[in-house]
Protein backbone atom coordinates (compact mmCIF):
# COMPACT_ATOMS: atom_id res chain seq x y z
CA MET A 1 8.09 8.39 -16.55
CA SER A 2 7.75 4.91 -17.88
CA GLU A 3 4.66 2.88 -18.29
CA PRO A 4 2.76 2.43 -15.11
CA ILE A 5 2.24 -0.66 -13.32
CA VAL A 6 -1.19 -0.02 -12.22
CA GLU A 7 -3.51 2.44 -14.05
CA LEU A 8 -7.02 3.31 -12.88
CA THR A 9 -9.10 5.17 -15.34
CA ASN A 10 -12.54 6.76 -14.46
CA ILE A 11 -13.28 4.30 -11.79
CA VAL A 12 -16.97 4.68 -10.39
CA LYS A 13 -17.93 2.72 -7.26
CA ARG A 14 -21.51 3.12 -6.00
CA PHE A 15 -23.31 1.84 -2.96
CA GLY A 16 -27.01 2.20 -3.66
CA ASN A 17 -27.69 5.76 -4.73
CA VAL A 18 -24.39 7.05 -3.26
CA ALA A 19 -21.26 7.31 -5.48
CA ALA A 20 -18.24 6.66 -3.33
CA LEU A 21 -15.88 6.94 -6.24
CA ARG A 22 -16.74 9.41 -9.07
CA GLY A 23 -14.48 8.88 -12.00
CA VAL A 24 -11.05 8.38 -10.14
CA SER A 25 -7.90 8.12 -12.34
CA LEU A 26 -4.47 7.54 -11.05
CA LYS A 27 -1.32 5.79 -11.93
CA VAL A 28 1.35 3.98 -10.05
CA PHE A 29 4.81 3.70 -11.67
CA ARG A 30 7.66 1.23 -10.79
CA GLY A 31 9.81 2.14 -7.88
CA GLU A 32 7.83 5.00 -6.53
CA VAL A 33 6.12 5.87 -3.37
CA LEU A 34 2.73 7.33 -4.14
CA GLY A 35 1.18 9.08 -1.15
CA LEU A 36 -2.73 8.96 -1.06
CA ILE A 37 -4.24 11.60 1.22
CA GLY A 38 -7.83 12.62 2.04
CA ASP A 39 -10.00 13.21 4.86
CA ASN A 40 -12.38 10.87 6.54
CA GLY A 41 -15.18 9.99 4.31
CA ALA A 42 -13.22 11.22 1.27
CA GLY A 43 -13.15 7.84 -0.50
CA LYS A 44 -9.65 6.69 0.25
CA SER A 45 -11.04 3.40 1.81
CA THR A 46 -13.39 2.66 -1.08
CA LEU A 47 -10.56 3.38 -3.42
CA ILE A 48 -8.09 1.00 -1.49
CA LYS A 49 -10.58 -1.82 -1.51
CA THR A 50 -11.35 -1.26 -5.04
CA LEU A 51 -7.64 -1.54 -5.75
CA ALA A 52 -7.45 -4.55 -3.70
CA GLY A 53 -10.22 -6.27 -5.53
CA VAL A 54 -12.58 -6.28 -2.63
CA HIS A 55 -15.04 -3.83 -4.25
CA PRO A 56 -15.03 -4.51 -8.17
CA PRO A 57 -15.66 -1.13 -9.97
CA ASP A 58 -19.10 -0.37 -11.34
CA GLU A 59 -17.35 1.70 -14.15
CA GLY A 60 -14.01 2.37 -15.48
CA GLU A 61 -10.77 0.40 -16.39
CA ILE A 62 -8.05 -1.09 -14.58
CA ARG A 63 -4.92 -1.92 -16.52
CA ILE A 64 -1.87 -3.94 -15.15
CA ARG A 65 1.44 -3.16 -17.03
CA GLY A 66 -0.73 -1.85 -19.89
CA GLN A 67 -2.89 -4.74 -20.19
CA HIS A 68 -6.79 -4.42 -19.20
CA VAL A 69 -7.88 -6.80 -16.54
CA SER A 70 -11.37 -7.99 -16.35
CA PRO A 71 -13.13 -9.24 -14.19
CA TRP A 72 -11.25 -7.27 -11.29
CA ASN A 73 -11.50 -9.14 -7.93
CA ALA A 74 -9.28 -10.12 -4.89
CA ALA A 75 -7.65 -12.98 -6.87
CA ALA A 76 -7.03 -10.90 -9.99
CA ALA A 77 -5.27 -8.28 -7.89
CA ARG A 78 -3.13 -10.69 -6.09
CA ASP A 79 -2.31 -12.48 -9.58
CA SER A 80 -1.43 -9.03 -10.93
CA GLY A 81 1.05 -8.45 -8.19
CA VAL A 82 -0.97 -5.86 -6.15
CA GLU A 83 -0.92 -6.75 -2.41
CA THR A 84 -2.84 -4.75 0.24
CA VAL A 85 -1.82 -4.39 3.78
CA PHE A 86 -5.00 -3.08 5.48
CA GLN A 87 -4.86 -1.23 8.89
CA ASP A 88 -5.28 -4.28 10.95
CA ARG A 89 -2.62 -5.95 9.16
CA ALA A 90 -4.74 -9.28 9.60
CA LEU A 91 -1.74 -10.84 11.32
CA ALA A 92 -2.20 -13.69 14.04
CA PRO A 93 -0.23 -12.43 17.09
CA GLN A 94 -0.02 -15.72 18.92
CA HIS A 95 1.68 -17.32 16.08
CA SER A 96 5.31 -17.01 14.84
CA ILE A 97 6.60 -14.69 12.28
CA VAL A 98 7.23 -17.65 9.79
CA THR A 99 3.71 -18.86 10.40
CA ASN A 100 2.44 -15.45 9.66
CA ILE A 101 4.15 -15.03 6.51
CA PHE A 102 3.17 -18.26 4.96
CA MET A 103 -0.30 -18.76 6.42
CA GLY A 104 -2.57 -20.08 3.54
CA ARG A 105 0.46 -20.26 0.97
CA GLU A 106 2.67 -22.80 2.87
CA ILE A 107 5.78 -24.32 1.23
CA THR A 108 5.22 -27.94 0.78
CA GLY A 109 7.48 -31.04 -0.18
CA ARG A 110 6.59 -33.56 -2.79
CA LEU A 111 4.24 -35.48 -0.49
CA GLY A 112 2.37 -32.42 0.36
CA PHE A 113 3.67 -31.94 3.95
CA ILE A 114 4.78 -28.35 4.96
CA ASP A 115 8.31 -27.96 4.77
CA HIS A 116 9.17 -26.00 7.87
CA ALA A 117 12.98 -25.78 7.34
CA ARG A 118 12.43 -24.14 3.92
CA GLN A 119 9.88 -21.68 5.36
CA ILE A 120 12.05 -20.77 8.18
CA GLU A 121 14.94 -20.14 5.58
CA GLU A 122 12.73 -18.17 3.26
CA ALA A 123 11.26 -16.05 6.16
CA GLY A 124 14.86 -15.15 7.13
CA ARG A 125 15.73 -14.16 3.84
CA LEU A 126 12.55 -11.85 3.50
CA MET A 127 13.26 -10.30 6.77
CA ARG A 128 16.68 -9.35 5.70
CA GLU A 129 15.48 -8.23 2.39
CA ILE A 130 13.12 -5.56 3.94
CA GLY A 131 15.86 -4.53 6.63
CA PHE A 132 14.51 -6.39 9.47
CA THR A 133 17.78 -5.94 11.43
CA SER A 134 16.84 -6.68 15.11
CA LYS A 135 19.13 -9.34 16.53
CA VAL A 136 16.27 -10.08 19.18
CA PHE A 137 14.01 -11.81 16.89
CA ASN A 138 14.12 -14.51 14.47
CA PRO A 139 11.51 -16.23 12.12
CA GLU A 140 10.29 -18.36 14.77
CA SER A 141 9.63 -15.40 17.20
CA THR A 142 5.98 -14.85 18.29
CA VAL A 143 4.34 -11.90 16.31
CA GLY A 144 2.79 -10.70 19.63
CA LEU A 145 6.22 -9.79 20.90
CA LEU A 146 7.11 -7.34 18.22
CA SER A 147 6.50 -3.76 18.10
CA GLY A 148 3.85 -2.02 15.85
CA GLY A 149 6.36 -0.80 13.47
CA GLU A 150 7.89 -4.52 13.18
CA ARG A 151 4.53 -6.21 12.75
CA GLN A 152 4.17 -3.73 9.67
CA GLY A 153 7.43 -5.28 8.54
CA VAL A 154 5.98 -8.75 8.82
CA ALA A 155 2.92 -7.90 6.79
CA ILE A 156 5.16 -6.13 4.12
CA ALA A 157 7.49 -9.44 4.24
CA ARG A 158 4.30 -11.38 3.47
CA ALA A 159 3.30 -9.25 0.60
CA LEU A 160 6.88 -9.80 -0.91
CA TYR A 161 6.50 -13.54 -0.61
CA ASN A 162 3.34 -13.05 -2.60
CA GLU A 163 5.56 -11.56 -5.33
CA ALA A 164 3.92 -8.16 -5.01
CA ASP A 165 5.01 -5.44 -7.44
CA VAL A 166 2.85 -2.97 -5.78
CA ILE A 167 2.21 -2.92 -2.15
CA VAL A 168 -0.56 -0.85 -0.72
CA LEU A 169 -0.14 0.24 2.81
CA ASP A 170 -3.33 1.48 4.63
CA GLU A 171 -2.53 4.00 7.41
CA PRO A 172 0.58 2.08 8.39
CA THR A 173 1.82 4.51 10.93
CA THR A 174 -1.32 5.02 12.91
CA ALA A 175 -0.84 4.99 16.69
CA LEU A 176 2.77 4.52 16.09
CA SER A 177 5.51 6.42 17.98
CA LEU A 178 8.20 8.47 15.99
CA THR A 179 10.58 5.61 16.49
CA GLU A 180 8.03 2.92 15.07
CA THR A 181 7.05 5.12 12.35
CA GLN A 182 10.71 5.36 11.29
CA LYS A 183 10.89 1.54 11.21
CA VAL A 184 7.92 1.49 8.71
CA PHE A 185 9.87 4.17 6.63
CA ASN A 186 12.82 2.10 6.62
CA PHE A 187 10.86 -0.98 5.35
CA VAL A 188 9.12 1.22 2.72
CA ARG A 189 12.44 2.68 1.40
CA THR A 190 14.02 -0.87 1.08
CA VAL A 191 11.11 -2.19 -0.89
CA GLN A 192 11.28 0.95 -3.16
CA THR A 193 15.01 0.24 -3.43
CA SER A 194 14.23 -3.18 -4.81
CA GLY A 195 12.19 -1.71 -7.64
CA ARG A 196 8.69 -2.34 -6.21
CA SER A 197 6.06 0.53 -5.72
CA VAL A 198 4.27 1.40 -2.69
CA VAL A 199 1.16 3.17 -2.22
CA PHE A 200 1.01 4.84 1.30
CA ILE A 201 -2.24 5.83 2.58
CA GLY A 202 -2.19 8.15 5.53
CA HIS A 203 -4.18 10.94 7.28
CA ASN A 204 -0.99 12.33 8.84
CA ILE A 205 0.15 14.63 6.00
CA TYR A 206 3.51 15.14 7.55
CA HIS A 207 4.06 11.32 7.57
CA VAL A 208 2.99 10.94 4.00
CA TYR A 209 5.08 13.93 2.88
CA ASP A 210 8.30 12.46 4.43
CA ILE A 211 7.96 8.90 2.75
CA ALA A 212 6.24 9.82 -0.75
CA ASP A 213 7.66 10.88 -4.05
CA ARG A 214 4.17 11.91 -5.33
CA PHE A 215 0.95 12.73 -4.01
CA VAL A 216 -2.86 12.14 -5.00
CA VAL A 217 -5.41 13.96 -2.86
CA ILE A 218 -9.03 12.38 -2.85
CA ASP A 219 -11.91 14.57 -1.94
CA ARG A 220 -15.42 13.69 -2.24
CA GLY A 221 -14.87 10.57 -4.17
CA ALA A 222 -12.80 12.30 -6.73
CA VAL A 223 -9.12 13.15 -7.40
CA ALA A 224 -8.75 16.83 -6.32
CA PHE A 225 -5.13 17.38 -6.49
CA GLU A 226 -2.01 15.43 -7.84
CA ALA A 227 1.70 16.67 -7.63
CA ASN A 228 5.12 15.56 -7.28
CA LYS A 229 7.17 16.20 -3.95
CA SER A 230 9.40 18.44 -5.70
CA ASP A 231 6.68 20.87 -6.30
CA PHE A 232 6.88 21.85 -2.77
CA THR A 233 9.31 22.94 -0.29
CA ASP A 234 7.74 21.20 2.86
CA ALA A 235 4.59 19.66 4.05
CA ASP A 236 3.11 22.97 5.21
CA GLU A 237 3.18 24.09 1.80
CA LEU A 238 1.24 21.05 0.52
CA ILE A 239 -1.34 21.50 3.32
CA HIS A 240 -1.64 25.17 2.37
CA VAL A 241 -2.65 24.27 -1.32
CA MET A 242 -5.00 21.38 -0.11
CA HIS A 243 -6.91 23.97 2.13
CA GLU A 244 -7.06 26.46 -0.80
CA LEU A 245 -8.44 23.88 -3.13
CA ALA A 246 -10.98 22.56 -0.28
CA GLU A 247 -12.11 26.23 0.30
CA THR A 248 -12.55 26.92 -3.74
CA GLY A 249 -13.84 23.46 -4.50
CA THR A 250 -11.47 23.35 -7.57
CA THR A 251 -8.89 20.91 -8.70
CA ASP A 252 -5.22 20.94 -9.41
CA HIS A 253 -3.10 18.62 -11.32
CA ARG A 254 0.36 19.68 -11.40
CA VAL A 255 1.72 16.49 -13.21
CA ALA A 256 0.30 14.83 -16.12
CA GLY A 257 1.71 11.32 -14.96
C-alpha cells in the first residue's frame, strides 16, 4: 500500500486511573473503507473522539500524510482533512439542506453578506457528487423531511465541503432499514470512488463487512485484530475469528499495513 493519510501510533488515552486506549496503532490509506468494530465499552468511541480531536491523546503520535501533528485537537483534525460524522449527525432538521451544509462556514461575498445563490449551487453540486439522486428534494428542502439514510448523505456532503480526505462515520446505519442502509452504502462508495477514505464504525458486523475493505477490531482499549476483507469468505467467518480471539485473549494481525 501507499503511505497512509492518517497514522496513529501507540495512542494512549486515560480518564483518571482508567486507560480507555492502551497503545492503539492503526493506519488509514487513501481510497479505502476501513471498518472499525468492537463491543460496547471496547474503546471505539474514545478512539473516534481522539481521531476527531475531541480527546487529545495522552501518549502516542498522530501523523497526517507522513507529518507529525502536534498539538492534536479539533481544529488540527479539521485542518488536516479529517471530518467526523457522529451518530447524531449534528443536523438542524428544521433548516434546509443548504443551511445545514454551510452552517458556520457560509460562503460570503466581498461585502461579507452570505451569497445564497452560490451556496445553493454548491450544495447541489455536493449532492450530485455523493450520488444524491432523489428528484423529490433540492438544496432548499427541509432536512426534517429526509429519511435517515438521506440525512447521512447531508452530513457527508457537509464533510466534503470542508475538504475532508478522511470521513469518519460513527454508527451511520443504526436504526436504519435495509433500504436506508443501502443508501448510506451508496454514499460511502461514491466518496471512496473520488479517492477519499472512510472510517466506518459499526456494531453490526454484517453491515461493516459489506462496506469495508479492511477491518480493525478494538477490544478493551487495544487493537485485537486487523485483517483484509479478502482474508474471509463471508461475515460469519470474521465473527468466528473474533469470538475465538475473545475467548483466548490473544491478538491476530493478518496484515502489516
